[in-house]
């Protein structure tokens, strides 16, 4: 999959299965209201989104005024940069943030350090 270079390409991408998957797995699962829905309701909501996003992207391509699309084309690179910065910040926080994967990883010292009980046993056995 190639990243969209223009706003029109982005509108076409919205209707693709890859984009819909990104929306469903990256956005919806972060909203508590969606996570707390029953599996049956999630099933129907995902089905509706999967149908509506391609229809909305096609309708936008067909019915948005050309002047408005040209206006959005001008700002599209700025939007892409902003989304890139936001996405990068989220990945950075997941890896290196206070509760990030790398921050939680045990260090060599933590892995090899004896427990309090092991230390007491060593002192007792040697004395």
N, C-alpha and C. Protein backbone atom coordinates (compact mmCIF):
# COMPACT_ATOMS: atom_id res chain seq x y z
N UNK A 1 0.84 -1.17 0.00
CA UNK A 1 0.00 0.00 0.00
C UNK A 1 0.89 1.24 0.00
N UNK A 2 0.55 2.16 -0.84
CA UNK A 2 1.30 3.41 -0.93
C UNK A 2 0.55 4.50 -0.18
N UNK A 3 1.31 5.36 0.51
CA UNK A 3 0.68 6.47 1.22
C UNK A 3 0.14 7.47 0.21
N UNK A 4 -1.00 8.09 0.52
CA UNK A 4 -1.58 9.05 -0.42
C UNK A 4 -0.77 10.34 -0.48
N UNK A 5 -0.48 10.80 -1.68
CA UNK A 5 0.26 12.04 -1.87
C UNK A 5 -0.66 13.25 -1.96
N UNK A 6 -1.90 13.03 -2.32
CA UNK A 6 -2.84 14.13 -2.49
C UNK A 6 -4.10 13.85 -1.66
N UNK A 7 -4.88 14.89 -1.47
CA UNK A 7 -6.12 14.74 -0.73
C UNK A 7 -7.09 13.82 -1.48
N UNK A 8 -7.10 13.90 -2.79
CA UNK A 8 -7.98 13.02 -3.58
C UNK A 8 -7.58 11.56 -3.40
N UNK A 9 -6.27 11.29 -3.36
CA UNK A 9 -5.82 9.93 -3.12
C UNK A 9 -6.23 9.47 -1.72
N UNK A 10 -6.18 10.40 -0.75
CA UNK A 10 -6.61 10.06 0.60
C UNK A 10 -8.09 9.70 0.63
N UNK A 11 -8.91 10.48 -0.07
CA UNK A 11 -10.34 10.17 -0.12
C UNK A 11 -10.57 8.78 -0.72
N UNK A 12 -9.78 8.42 -1.70
CA UNK A 12 -9.91 7.08 -2.29
C UNK A 12 -9.46 6.01 -1.29
N UNK A 13 -8.42 6.33 -0.52
CA UNK A 13 -7.89 5.38 0.46
C UNK A 13 -8.88 5.09 1.58
N UNK A 14 -9.70 6.08 1.94
CA UNK A 14 -10.66 5.90 3.03
C UNK A 14 -11.56 4.69 2.79
N UNK A 15 -11.88 4.43 1.56
CA UNK A 15 -12.76 3.31 1.24
C UNK A 15 -12.05 1.97 1.15
N UNK A 16 -10.74 1.95 1.35
CA UNK A 16 -10.01 0.69 1.20
C UNK A 16 -10.08 -0.15 2.47
N UNK A 17 -9.98 -1.46 2.33
CA UNK A 17 -10.01 -2.34 3.51
C UNK A 17 -8.89 -2.03 4.50
N UNK A 18 -7.72 -1.64 4.00
CA UNK A 18 -6.60 -1.35 4.90
C UNK A 18 -6.94 -0.17 5.80
N UNK A 19 -7.48 0.90 5.23
CA UNK A 19 -7.82 2.08 6.02
C UNK A 19 -8.92 1.76 7.03
N UNK A 20 -9.91 1.02 6.61
CA UNK A 20 -11.00 0.66 7.52
C UNK A 20 -10.44 -0.17 8.68
N UNK A 21 -9.54 -1.07 8.38
CA UNK A 21 -8.89 -1.86 9.44
C UNK A 21 -8.12 -0.99 10.41
N UNK A 22 -7.44 0.03 9.88
CA UNK A 22 -6.69 0.95 10.73
C UNK A 22 -7.66 1.70 11.64
N UNK A 23 -8.74 2.20 11.07
CA UNK A 23 -9.74 2.93 11.86
C UNK A 23 -10.28 2.03 12.97
N UNK A 24 -10.62 0.82 12.62
CA UNK A 24 -11.23 -0.07 13.61
C UNK A 24 -10.25 -0.50 14.69
N UNK A 25 -9.02 -0.81 14.31
CA UNK A 25 -8.08 -1.32 15.30
C UNK A 25 -7.31 -0.23 16.03
N UNK A 26 -7.13 0.92 15.42
CA UNK A 26 -6.32 1.96 16.02
C UNK A 26 -7.15 3.01 16.75
N UNK A 27 -8.34 3.28 16.24
CA UNK A 27 -9.13 4.36 16.82
C UNK A 27 -10.25 3.82 17.73
N UNK A 28 -11.10 2.98 17.19
CA UNK A 28 -12.27 2.56 17.95
C UNK A 28 -11.92 1.83 19.24
N UNK A 29 -10.90 0.99 19.22
CA UNK A 29 -10.57 0.22 20.43
C UNK A 29 -9.98 1.09 21.53
N UNK A 30 -9.69 2.34 21.25
CA UNK A 30 -9.20 3.25 22.27
C UNK A 30 -10.34 4.00 22.97
N UNK A 31 -11.55 3.90 22.45
CA UNK A 31 -12.68 4.59 23.04
C UNK A 31 -13.43 3.64 23.97
N UNK A 32 -13.56 4.04 25.20
CA UNK A 32 -14.20 3.20 26.21
C UNK A 32 -15.61 2.82 25.82
N UNK A 33 -16.36 3.75 25.24
CA UNK A 33 -17.75 3.45 24.87
C UNK A 33 -17.81 2.29 23.88
N UNK A 34 -16.82 2.21 22.96
CA UNK A 34 -16.82 1.13 21.98
C UNK A 34 -16.38 -0.18 22.64
N UNK A 35 -15.35 -0.13 23.46
CA UNK A 35 -14.84 -1.33 24.12
C UNK A 35 -15.91 -1.96 25.01
N UNK A 36 -16.76 -1.13 25.63
CA UNK A 36 -17.77 -1.64 26.55
C UNK A 36 -19.04 -2.15 25.86
N UNK A 37 -19.11 -2.01 24.54
CA UNK A 37 -20.29 -2.51 23.83
C UNK A 37 -20.31 -4.04 23.83
N UNK A 38 -21.48 -4.60 23.68
CA UNK A 38 -21.58 -6.05 23.56
C UNK A 38 -20.97 -6.48 22.23
N UNK A 39 -20.56 -7.74 22.15
CA UNK A 39 -19.93 -8.23 20.92
C UNK A 39 -20.90 -8.17 19.74
N UNK A 40 -22.18 -8.38 20.01
CA UNK A 40 -23.18 -8.31 18.94
C UNK A 40 -23.28 -6.89 18.38
N UNK A 41 -23.31 -5.90 19.28
CA UNK A 41 -23.40 -4.51 18.84
C UNK A 41 -22.12 -4.08 18.11
N UNK A 42 -20.97 -4.54 18.60
CA UNK A 42 -19.70 -4.25 17.91
C UNK A 42 -19.73 -4.83 16.49
N UNK A 43 -20.23 -6.04 16.36
CA UNK A 43 -20.34 -6.70 15.06
C UNK A 43 -21.11 -5.83 14.08
N UNK A 44 -22.27 -5.33 14.49
CA UNK A 44 -23.10 -4.53 13.59
C UNK A 44 -22.50 -3.15 13.35
N UNK A 45 -21.88 -2.57 14.36
CA UNK A 45 -21.26 -1.26 14.20
C UNK A 45 -20.06 -1.34 13.24
N UNK A 46 -19.24 -2.35 13.39
CA UNK A 46 -18.11 -2.54 12.47
C UNK A 46 -18.61 -2.77 11.05
N UNK A 47 -19.68 -3.54 10.91
CA UNK A 47 -20.27 -3.76 9.59
C UNK A 47 -20.76 -2.45 8.97
N UNK A 48 -21.42 -1.63 9.78
CA UNK A 48 -21.91 -0.34 9.28
C UNK A 48 -20.76 0.57 8.87
N UNK A 49 -19.73 0.64 9.69
CA UNK A 49 -18.57 1.48 9.36
C UNK A 49 -17.90 0.98 8.08
N UNK A 50 -17.80 -0.34 7.96
CA UNK A 50 -17.18 -0.92 6.77
C UNK A 50 -17.95 -0.61 5.49
N UNK A 51 -19.24 -0.40 5.60
CA UNK A 51 -20.04 -0.01 4.44
C UNK A 51 -20.06 1.50 4.22
N UNK A 52 -20.14 2.25 5.31
CA UNK A 52 -20.29 3.70 5.19
C UNK A 52 -19.01 4.44 4.78
N UNK A 53 -17.85 3.97 5.23
CA UNK A 53 -16.61 4.67 4.85
C UNK A 53 -16.36 4.66 3.34
N UNK A 54 -16.50 3.53 2.64
CA UNK A 54 -16.31 3.58 1.19
C UNK A 54 -17.36 4.45 0.49
N UNK A 55 -18.60 4.41 0.98
CA UNK A 55 -19.64 5.25 0.39
C UNK A 55 -19.32 6.72 0.61
N UNK A 56 -18.89 7.06 1.82
CA UNK A 56 -18.54 8.45 2.12
C UNK A 56 -17.36 8.93 1.30
N UNK A 57 -16.36 8.08 1.11
CA UNK A 57 -15.19 8.51 0.32
C UNK A 57 -15.57 8.72 -1.15
N UNK A 58 -16.40 7.84 -1.69
CA UNK A 58 -16.84 7.99 -3.08
C UNK A 58 -17.71 9.23 -3.24
N UNK A 59 -18.60 9.46 -2.27
CA UNK A 59 -19.47 10.64 -2.33
C UNK A 59 -18.65 11.92 -2.23
N UNK A 60 -17.63 11.93 -1.39
CA UNK A 60 -16.78 13.11 -1.27
C UNK A 60 -16.06 13.38 -2.58
N UNK A 61 -15.56 12.32 -3.22
CA UNK A 61 -14.87 12.50 -4.51
C UNK A 61 -15.82 13.03 -5.58
N UNK A 62 -17.06 12.59 -5.56
CA UNK A 62 -18.01 12.99 -6.59
C UNK A 62 -18.68 14.33 -6.34
N UNK A 63 -18.98 14.65 -5.08
CA UNK A 63 -19.86 15.78 -4.80
C UNK A 63 -19.21 17.00 -4.13
N UNK A 64 -18.00 16.87 -3.61
CA UNK A 64 -17.35 18.06 -3.04
C UNK A 64 -17.02 19.04 -4.17
N UNK A 65 -17.26 20.32 -3.96
CA UNK A 65 -16.93 21.30 -5.00
C UNK A 65 -15.43 21.31 -5.29
N UNK A 66 -15.09 21.49 -6.56
CA UNK A 66 -13.68 21.45 -6.98
C UNK A 66 -12.84 22.48 -6.23
N UNK A 67 -13.39 23.67 -5.99
CA UNK A 67 -12.64 24.71 -5.26
C UNK A 67 -12.31 24.28 -3.85
N UNK A 68 -13.24 23.58 -3.20
CA UNK A 68 -13.01 23.11 -1.83
C UNK A 68 -11.93 22.03 -1.82
N UNK A 69 -11.99 21.12 -2.79
CA UNK A 69 -10.99 20.06 -2.88
C UNK A 69 -9.61 20.67 -3.15
N UNK A 70 -9.55 21.68 -4.03
CA UNK A 70 -8.28 22.35 -4.29
C UNK A 70 -7.74 23.03 -3.03
N UNK A 71 -8.63 23.63 -2.25
CA UNK A 71 -8.23 24.26 -0.99
C UNK A 71 -7.63 23.21 -0.05
N UNK A 72 -8.30 22.06 0.06
CA UNK A 72 -7.80 20.99 0.92
C UNK A 72 -6.50 20.40 0.39
N UNK A 73 -6.37 20.33 -0.95
CA UNK A 73 -5.12 19.84 -1.56
C UNK A 73 -3.93 20.68 -1.09
N UNK A 74 -4.14 21.99 -1.02
CA UNK A 74 -3.07 22.90 -0.62
C UNK A 74 -2.61 22.59 0.80
N UNK A 75 -3.54 22.26 1.71
CA UNK A 75 -3.22 22.02 3.10
C UNK A 75 -2.87 20.56 3.39
N UNK A 76 -3.06 19.68 2.44
CA UNK A 76 -2.85 18.25 2.67
C UNK A 76 -1.46 17.91 3.21
N UNK A 77 -0.36 18.44 2.64
CA UNK A 77 0.96 18.11 3.19
C UNK A 77 1.10 18.49 4.67
N UNK A 78 0.51 19.58 5.07
CA UNK A 78 0.56 20.00 6.47
C UNK A 78 -0.18 19.02 7.36
N UNK A 79 -1.32 18.54 6.89
CA UNK A 79 -2.09 17.55 7.65
C UNK A 79 -1.30 16.26 7.79
N UNK A 80 -0.66 15.83 6.72
CA UNK A 80 0.14 14.59 6.76
C UNK A 80 1.29 14.73 7.75
N UNK A 81 1.96 15.86 7.75
CA UNK A 81 3.05 16.09 8.70
C UNK A 81 2.52 16.05 10.13
N UNK A 82 1.40 16.71 10.37
CA UNK A 82 0.81 16.71 11.70
C UNK A 82 0.43 15.32 12.17
N UNK A 83 -0.16 14.52 11.30
CA UNK A 83 -0.52 13.15 11.65
C UNK A 83 0.72 12.30 11.89
N UNK A 84 1.76 12.55 11.11
CA UNK A 84 3.02 11.83 11.31
C UNK A 84 3.64 12.14 12.66
N UNK A 85 3.63 13.40 13.03
CA UNK A 85 4.16 13.80 14.34
C UNK A 85 3.34 13.18 15.46
N UNK A 86 2.02 13.24 15.34
CA UNK A 86 1.16 12.66 16.37
C UNK A 86 1.40 11.16 16.50
N UNK A 87 1.44 10.45 15.38
CA UNK A 87 1.65 9.00 15.41
C UNK A 87 3.00 8.66 16.02
N UNK A 88 4.02 9.40 15.62
CA UNK A 88 5.36 9.17 16.17
C UNK A 88 5.37 9.40 17.68
N UNK A 89 4.69 10.44 18.13
CA UNK A 89 4.65 10.71 19.58
C UNK A 89 3.97 9.58 20.33
N UNK A 90 2.95 8.98 19.73
CA UNK A 90 2.25 7.87 20.38
C UNK A 90 3.14 6.64 20.48
N UNK A 91 3.87 6.36 19.40
CA UNK A 91 4.80 5.22 19.41
C UNK A 91 5.91 5.46 20.42
N UNK A 92 6.47 6.66 20.42
CA UNK A 92 7.54 7.00 21.36
C UNK A 92 7.06 6.83 22.80
N UNK A 93 5.86 7.29 23.10
CA UNK A 93 5.32 7.17 24.45
C UNK A 93 5.09 5.71 24.82
N UNK A 94 4.62 4.91 23.88
CA UNK A 94 4.40 3.48 24.15
C UNK A 94 5.72 2.78 24.48
N UNK A 95 6.78 3.18 23.81
CA UNK A 95 8.07 2.53 24.03
C UNK A 95 8.84 3.11 25.21
N UNK A 96 8.93 4.43 25.29
CA UNK A 96 9.83 5.07 26.24
C UNK A 96 9.14 5.85 27.34
N UNK A 97 7.81 5.99 27.28
CA UNK A 97 7.09 6.74 28.31
C UNK A 97 7.22 6.09 29.67
N UNK A 98 6.67 6.73 30.68
CA UNK A 98 6.79 6.24 32.06
C UNK A 98 6.31 4.79 32.19
N UNK A 99 5.24 4.46 31.49
CA UNK A 99 4.72 3.10 31.54
C UNK A 99 4.98 2.35 30.23
N UNK A 100 5.94 2.82 29.47
CA UNK A 100 6.24 2.22 28.17
C UNK A 100 6.92 0.87 28.28
N UNK A 101 6.94 0.17 27.16
CA UNK A 101 7.51 -1.18 27.12
C UNK A 101 8.98 -1.19 27.52
N UNK A 102 9.74 -0.25 27.06
CA UNK A 102 11.17 -0.23 27.37
C UNK A 102 11.40 0.24 28.80
N UNK A 103 10.58 1.19 29.27
CA UNK A 103 10.71 1.66 30.65
C UNK A 103 10.39 0.56 31.66
N UNK A 104 9.50 -0.34 31.31
CA UNK A 104 9.11 -1.41 32.22
C UNK A 104 10.05 -2.61 32.16
N UNK A 105 10.87 -2.68 31.13
CA UNK A 105 11.74 -3.85 30.96
C UNK A 105 12.74 -3.94 32.10
N UNK A 106 13.00 -5.14 32.55
CA UNK A 106 13.95 -5.35 33.63
C UNK A 106 15.36 -5.07 33.15
N UNK A 107 16.16 -4.51 34.01
CA UNK A 107 17.56 -4.28 33.68
C UNK A 107 18.37 -5.51 34.08
N UNK A 108 19.59 -5.59 33.64
CA UNK A 108 20.47 -6.72 34.00
C UNK A 108 20.62 -6.78 35.52
N UNK A 109 20.77 -5.63 36.14
CA UNK A 109 20.94 -5.59 37.59
C UNK A 109 19.69 -6.13 38.30
N UNK A 110 18.52 -5.78 37.79
CA UNK A 110 17.29 -6.27 38.41
C UNK A 110 17.14 -7.78 38.23
N UNK A 111 17.60 -8.28 37.12
CA UNK A 111 17.47 -9.71 36.86
C UNK A 111 18.41 -10.50 37.76
N UNK A 112 19.64 -10.03 37.95
CA UNK A 112 20.66 -10.76 38.69
C UNK A 112 20.69 -10.46 40.18
N UNK A 113 20.06 -9.43 40.63
CA UNK A 113 20.11 -9.06 42.04
C UNK A 113 19.40 -10.11 42.89
N UNK A 114 20.02 -10.54 43.98
CA UNK A 114 19.36 -11.52 44.85
C UNK A 114 18.22 -10.88 45.61
N UNK A 115 17.24 -11.69 45.97
CA UNK A 115 16.13 -11.20 46.77
C UNK A 115 16.59 -11.00 48.20
N UNK A 116 15.77 -10.36 48.99
CA UNK A 116 16.11 -10.13 50.39
C UNK A 116 16.29 -11.46 51.11
N UNK A 117 15.42 -12.41 50.82
CA UNK A 117 15.51 -13.73 51.46
C UNK A 117 16.80 -14.44 51.06
N UNK A 118 17.16 -14.36 49.79
CA UNK A 118 18.40 -14.99 49.33
C UNK A 118 19.60 -14.37 50.01
N UNK A 119 19.59 -13.06 50.18
CA UNK A 119 20.69 -12.38 50.85
C UNK A 119 20.80 -12.82 52.30
N UNK A 120 19.66 -12.92 53.00
CA UNK A 120 19.68 -13.36 54.40
C UNK A 120 20.16 -14.80 54.51
N UNK A 121 19.75 -15.64 53.57
CA UNK A 121 20.21 -17.04 53.58
C UNK A 121 21.72 -17.12 53.39
N UNK A 122 22.26 -16.29 52.51
CA UNK A 122 23.70 -16.29 52.27
C UNK A 122 24.45 -15.86 53.53
N UNK A 123 23.94 -14.83 54.20
CA UNK A 123 24.59 -14.32 55.41
C UNK A 123 24.51 -15.37 56.53
N UNK A 124 23.36 -16.02 56.68
CA UNK A 124 23.16 -17.02 57.73
C UNK A 124 24.03 -18.24 57.50
N UNK A 125 24.14 -18.72 56.30
CA UNK A 125 24.93 -19.92 55.99
C UNK A 125 26.41 -19.66 56.10
N UNK A 126 26.86 -18.44 55.86
CA UNK A 126 28.29 -18.16 55.93
C UNK A 126 28.74 -17.92 57.36
N UNK A 127 27.85 -17.49 58.22
CA UNK A 127 28.26 -17.11 59.57
C UNK A 127 28.34 -18.23 60.48
